[in-house]
Amino acid sequence: MTSVLNKRASCHPNHCEDSYFLHEDDAKIVGAVLDGCSTGINSHFASQFFAYSLAKYGTHSLDFDYYSMHPSKWEFFERVMFNSISDDVWSTSLLLGLTRIHFLSTMVYFVYSKSERELHVTFFGDGVVYVNGVRFAHDEDNMPDYFAYHVSNDLGDYISSRPRRVFTDVSDFSICTDGIDSFVNLRDGHLDRSIPIDFLVDDVRSINLKNGLNKKFNILTNRIDELKMDDNHYWWDIQDDLTIIRHVNSI
């Protein structure tokens, strides 16, 4: 089952600056979590723009079906796809009179082969991946080398230089924006933030529900004593927008 969480932090009163792209069929899951730069201009637009563009060149491409079934060759298709997305950024910026600052968003892009149980992840900026309960983080010290910086320039070299991870024998994975590390407990500041993180990306309760992550997030952020699960799993808040795509094979 695949579940998605996309939540706005209270520090963004109008728009969530995170977005996501997700495609799943019987053979594969392809997706991305996207985090708009807070210092950009209307960065919720940037993350949503890339989500739309990824969907356009992913799910509607015959090459997409071929390469996503052969994960070892995925990097080649990735270059072709992101060149097309670069063209979209360039043409849209000319059409609307926008600058690169309007397109600043990180991306954590992945493809998962269900039959091979193989997960390929590419980082375009900060992000966190959990695979079978183990954490793998990519941190660019709050200075991401954004995709938008390379539009119409050295895109080929940029795509090749992005960090990639390949995981095998994968039965449970979560792809997260860096908001996963922004949890705070407003009732007891001494509680470890690993409590809500583990509840979302490792705990197996509600994994067979499509809205399982949202159900768990509601448990964590509940502030009514009569409805709490226990003392450790309520009164939590996020200080940054958070998006998680979690997939768990049937158990």
Protein backbone atom coordinates (compact mmCIF):
# COMPACT_ATOMS: atom_id res chain seq x y z
CA MET A 1 0.00 0.00 0.00
CA THR A 2 1.17 3.51 -0.81
CA SER A 3 0.21 6.45 1.37
CA VAL A 4 0.96 10.17 1.04
CA LEU A 5 1.22 12.91 3.64
CA ASN A 6 1.36 16.57 2.55
CA LYS A 7 1.04 19.05 5.42
CA ARG A 8 1.56 22.77 5.84
CA ALA A 9 3.44 24.12 8.85
CA SER A 10 1.89 26.97 10.81
CA CYS A 11 4.74 29.24 9.71
CA HIS A 12 3.19 29.28 6.21
CA PRO A 13 -0.33 30.62 6.87
CA ASN A 14 -1.47 30.72 3.22
CA HIS A 15 0.23 27.99 1.19
CA CYS A 16 2.07 24.73 1.70
CA GLU A 17 5.40 25.09 -0.09
CA ASP A 18 5.72 21.32 -0.48
CA SER A 19 4.17 19.30 -3.27
CA TYR A 20 4.53 15.80 -4.74
CA PHE A 21 4.20 13.69 -7.86
CA LEU A 22 3.16 10.05 -7.70
CA HIS A 23 2.43 7.39 -10.31
CA GLU A 24 1.78 3.75 -9.45
CA ASP A 25 0.71 0.75 -11.46
CA ASP A 26 1.09 -3.01 -11.10
CA ALA A 27 4.79 -2.96 -11.98
CA LYS A 28 6.25 0.25 -10.58
CA ILE A 29 5.99 3.32 -8.42
CA VAL A 30 7.52 6.58 -9.61
CA GLY A 31 7.32 9.82 -7.72
CA ALA A 32 8.94 12.82 -6.12
CA VAL A 33 8.59 15.01 -3.08
CA LEU A 34 9.21 18.70 -3.74
CA ASP A 35 10.04 21.53 -1.35
CA GLY A 36 9.77 25.13 -2.52
CA CYS A 37 12.49 27.48 -1.27
CA SER A 38 11.15 29.84 1.41
CA THR A 39 13.34 32.67 0.10
CA GLY A 40 12.02 32.24 -3.43
CA ILE A 41 9.03 34.09 -4.85
CA ASN A 42 5.72 32.28 -4.22
CA SER A 43 7.66 29.04 -3.90
CA HIS A 44 4.49 26.97 -3.59
CA PHE A 45 4.22 27.66 -7.32
CA ALA A 46 7.71 26.23 -7.94
CA SER A 47 7.07 22.90 -6.23
CA GLN A 48 3.67 22.50 -7.88
CA PHE A 49 5.06 23.45 -11.29
CA PHE A 50 7.64 20.66 -11.11
CA ALA A 51 4.99 18.21 -9.93
CA TYR A 52 2.89 19.01 -13.00
CA SER A 53 5.87 18.78 -15.32
CA LEU A 54 7.02 15.45 -13.86
CA ALA A 55 3.55 14.04 -14.40
CA LYS A 56 3.52 15.29 -17.99
CA TYR A 57 6.80 13.64 -19.00
CA GLY A 58 6.42 10.59 -16.82
CA THR A 59 3.05 8.96 -17.08
CA HIS A 60 2.39 10.01 -20.69
CA SER A 61 5.65 8.75 -22.18
CA LEU A 62 6.23 5.36 -23.78
CA ASP A 63 9.91 5.63 -22.87
CA PHE A 64 8.84 6.06 -19.26
CA ASP A 65 7.26 2.60 -19.23
CA TYR A 66 10.34 0.98 -20.75
CA TYR A 67 12.97 2.58 -18.55
CA SER A 68 10.99 2.36 -15.33
CA MET A 69 10.85 -1.39 -15.89
CA HIS A 70 14.64 -1.42 -16.22
CA PRO A 71 15.83 0.59 -13.21
CA SER A 72 19.52 0.11 -14.06
CA LYS A 73 18.91 2.23 -17.19
CA TRP A 74 16.80 4.81 -15.41
CA GLU A 75 19.53 7.49 -15.34
CA PHE A 76 19.42 7.77 -19.14
CA PHE A 77 15.67 8.42 -19.20
CA GLU A 78 16.09 10.80 -16.27
CA ARG A 79 18.38 13.00 -18.36
CA VAL A 80 15.90 13.08 -21.24
CA MET A 81 12.98 13.84 -18.96
CA PHE A 82 14.69 16.62 -17.02
CA ASN A 83 15.86 18.25 -20.24
CA SER A 84 12.19 18.42 -21.25
CA ILE A 85 11.30 19.87 -17.85
CA SER A 86 14.08 22.43 -18.30
CA ASP A 87 12.46 23.47 -21.57
CA ASP A 88 9.17 23.92 -19.72
CA VAL A 89 10.82 26.15 -17.12
CA TRP A 90 12.49 28.23 -19.82
CA SER A 91 9.37 28.68 -21.97
CA THR A 92 7.14 29.42 -18.98
CA SER A 93 9.56 32.00 -17.60
CA LEU A 94 9.58 33.77 -21.00
CA LEU A 95 5.82 33.56 -21.37
CA LEU A 96 5.06 34.97 -17.90
CA GLY A 97 8.12 37.15 -17.38
CA LEU A 98 9.42 35.07 -14.47
CA THR A 99 12.95 34.59 -13.19
CA ARG A 100 14.83 31.62 -11.75
CA ILE A 101 13.79 32.78 -8.29
CA HIS A 102 10.22 31.76 -9.16
CA PHE A 103 11.32 28.14 -9.79
CA LEU A 104 13.39 27.31 -6.69
CA SER A 105 12.33 23.90 -5.43
CA THR A 106 14.18 20.83 -4.25
CA MET A 107 13.21 17.40 -5.57
CA VAL A 108 13.74 13.90 -4.26
CA TYR A 109 12.90 11.73 -7.24
CA PHE A 110 12.51 7.94 -7.15
CA VAL A 111 11.50 4.86 -9.12
CA TYR A 112 10.64 1.54 -7.48
CA SER A 113 10.39 -1.75 -9.36
CA LYS A 114 7.89 -3.98 -7.57
CA SER A 115 9.11 -7.21 -9.14
CA GLU A 116 12.80 -6.51 -8.48
CA ARG A 117 12.12 -4.77 -5.15
CA GLU A 118 14.69 -2.19 -6.21
CA LEU A 119 14.51 1.51 -5.35
CA HIS A 120 16.42 4.24 -7.20
CA VAL A 121 16.54 7.70 -5.61
CA THR A 122 18.00 10.94 -7.02
CA PHE A 123 18.41 14.05 -4.86
CA PHE A 124 18.00 17.55 -6.25
CA GLY A 125 18.56 19.26 -2.91
CA ASP A 126 17.84 18.20 0.65
CA GLY A 127 15.73 15.19 1.48
CA VAL A 128 15.46 12.07 3.62
CA VAL A 129 14.78 8.46 2.66
CA TYR A 130 13.92 5.60 4.99
CA VAL A 131 14.42 2.10 3.59
CA ASN A 132 13.35 -0.92 5.63
CA GLY A 133 13.54 1.27 8.73
CA VAL A 134 17.03 2.68 8.03
CA ARG A 135 17.50 6.42 7.51
CA PHE A 136 19.48 7.89 4.60
CA ALA A 137 19.67 11.70 4.51
CA HIS A 138 21.04 14.09 1.93
CA ASP A 139 21.82 17.53 3.36
CA GLU A 140 23.16 20.47 1.34
CA ASP A 141 23.47 22.73 4.41
CA ASN A 142 20.44 24.82 3.46
CA MET A 143 22.21 25.84 0.23
CA PRO A 144 20.68 23.52 -2.38
CA ASP A 145 22.04 23.59 -5.91
CA TYR A 146 18.58 24.11 -7.36
CA PHE A 147 17.53 22.67 -10.70
CA ALA A 148 16.40 26.14 -11.77
CA TYR A 149 19.97 27.45 -11.57
CA HIS A 150 20.96 25.18 -14.46
CA VAL A 151 18.09 25.66 -16.88
CA SER A 152 19.45 26.30 -20.42
CA ASN A 153 23.03 25.99 -19.13
CA ASP A 154 25.02 22.96 -17.92
CA LEU A 155 21.98 20.76 -17.32
CA GLY A 156 23.60 17.54 -18.58
CA ASP A 157 26.54 17.84 -16.19
CA TYR A 158 24.20 18.91 -13.40
CA ILE A 159 21.93 15.87 -13.80
CA SER A 160 24.95 13.54 -13.85
CA SER A 161 26.36 15.13 -10.71
CA ARG A 162 23.28 14.67 -8.55
CA PRO A 163 23.61 12.19 -5.66
CA ARG A 164 21.95 8.85 -6.33
CA ARG A 165 21.22 5.87 -4.13
CA VAL A 166 20.16 2.39 -5.21
CA PHE A 167 18.54 0.09 -2.65
CA THR A 168 17.81 -3.60 -3.12
CA ASP A 169 15.46 -6.02 -1.38
CA VAL A 170 13.21 -3.11 -0.43
CA SER A 171 9.89 -3.92 1.23
CA ASP A 172 9.21 -0.63 3.05
CA PHE A 173 10.35 2.85 2.03
CA SER A 174 9.50 6.47 2.75
CA ILE A 175 10.57 9.45 0.63
CA CYS A 176 10.48 12.66 2.69
CA THR A 177 11.12 16.38 2.44
CA ASP A 178 13.37 17.76 5.17
CA GLY A 179 10.29 18.79 7.14
CA ILE A 180 10.49 15.30 8.62
CA ASP A 181 13.11 16.71 11.02
CA SER A 182 11.00 19.69 12.14
CA PHE A 183 8.79 17.98 14.73
CA VAL A 184 8.50 19.60 18.17
CA ASN A 185 6.30 18.63 21.08
CA LEU A 186 4.44 21.66 22.41
CA ARG A 187 3.51 19.98 25.69
CA ASP A 188 6.84 18.41 26.61
CA GLY A 189 9.89 19.85 24.85
CA HIS A 190 12.08 17.04 26.16
CA LEU A 191 10.41 14.34 24.07
CA ASP A 192 12.66 13.01 21.33
CA ARG A 193 11.55 13.91 17.79
CA SER A 194 12.30 10.34 16.76
CA ILE A 195 8.98 9.40 18.36
CA PRO A 196 6.76 10.98 15.66
CA ILE A 197 9.22 10.12 12.90
CA ASP A 198 9.28 6.43 13.79
CA PHE A 199 5.49 6.45 14.09
CA LEU A 200 5.17 7.72 10.51
CA VAL A 201 7.94 5.87 8.66
CA ASP A 202 8.57 2.69 10.65
CA ASP A 203 5.46 1.77 12.62
CA VAL A 204 3.26 -0.72 10.74
CA ARG A 205 -0.12 0.28 12.12
CA SER A 206 -2.52 1.54 9.42
CA ILE A 207 -0.12 0.54 6.62
CA ASN A 208 -2.97 -1.07 4.69
CA LEU A 209 -4.88 2.21 4.58
CA LYS A 210 -4.37 4.67 1.75
CA ASN A 211 -4.87 7.51 4.22
CA GLY A 212 -2.75 5.80 6.87
CA LEU A 213 -0.17 8.59 7.09
CA ASN A 214 -2.85 11.24 7.50
CA LYS A 215 -4.52 9.19 10.22
CA LYS A 216 -1.21 8.91 12.09
CA PHE A 217 -0.45 12.60 11.66
CA ASN A 218 -3.83 13.44 13.18
CA ILE A 219 -2.98 11.24 16.16
CA LEU A 220 0.36 13.01 16.62
CA THR A 221 -1.08 16.53 16.39
CA ASN A 222 -4.13 15.85 18.54
CA ARG A 223 -4.31 18.06 21.66
CA ILE A 224 -7.36 16.58 23.36
CA ASP A 225 -6.51 14.40 26.36
CA GLU A 226 -9.57 12.21 25.96
CA LEU A 227 -8.55 11.30 22.40
CA LYS A 228 -4.83 10.77 22.85
CA MET A 229 -3.24 7.42 22.02
CA ASP A 230 -0.66 7.83 24.79
CA ASP A 231 1.50 10.52 26.39
CA ASN A 232 4.18 10.31 23.69
CA HIS A 233 1.94 10.54 20.67
CA TYR A 234 0.08 13.81 20.97
CA TRP A 235 0.71 17.58 21.05
CA TRP A 236 3.27 17.31 18.23
CA ASP A 237 3.68 20.08 15.67
CA ILE A 238 5.80 20.61 12.56
CA GLN A 239 7.90 23.73 12.08
CA ASP A 240 8.38 23.15 8.36
CA ASP A 241 6.09 21.86 5.63
CA LEU A 242 6.23 18.08 5.39
CA THR A 243 5.62 15.61 2.56
CA ILE A 244 6.06 11.84 2.82
CA ILE A 245 5.41 9.14 0.25
CA ARG A 246 5.50 5.74 1.99
CA HIS A 247 5.10 2.35 0.39
CA VAL A 248 4.93 -0.96 2.25
CA ASN A 249 4.63 -4.28 0.49
CA SER A 250 1.70 -6.39 1.57
CA ILE A 251 2.34 -8.31 4.79
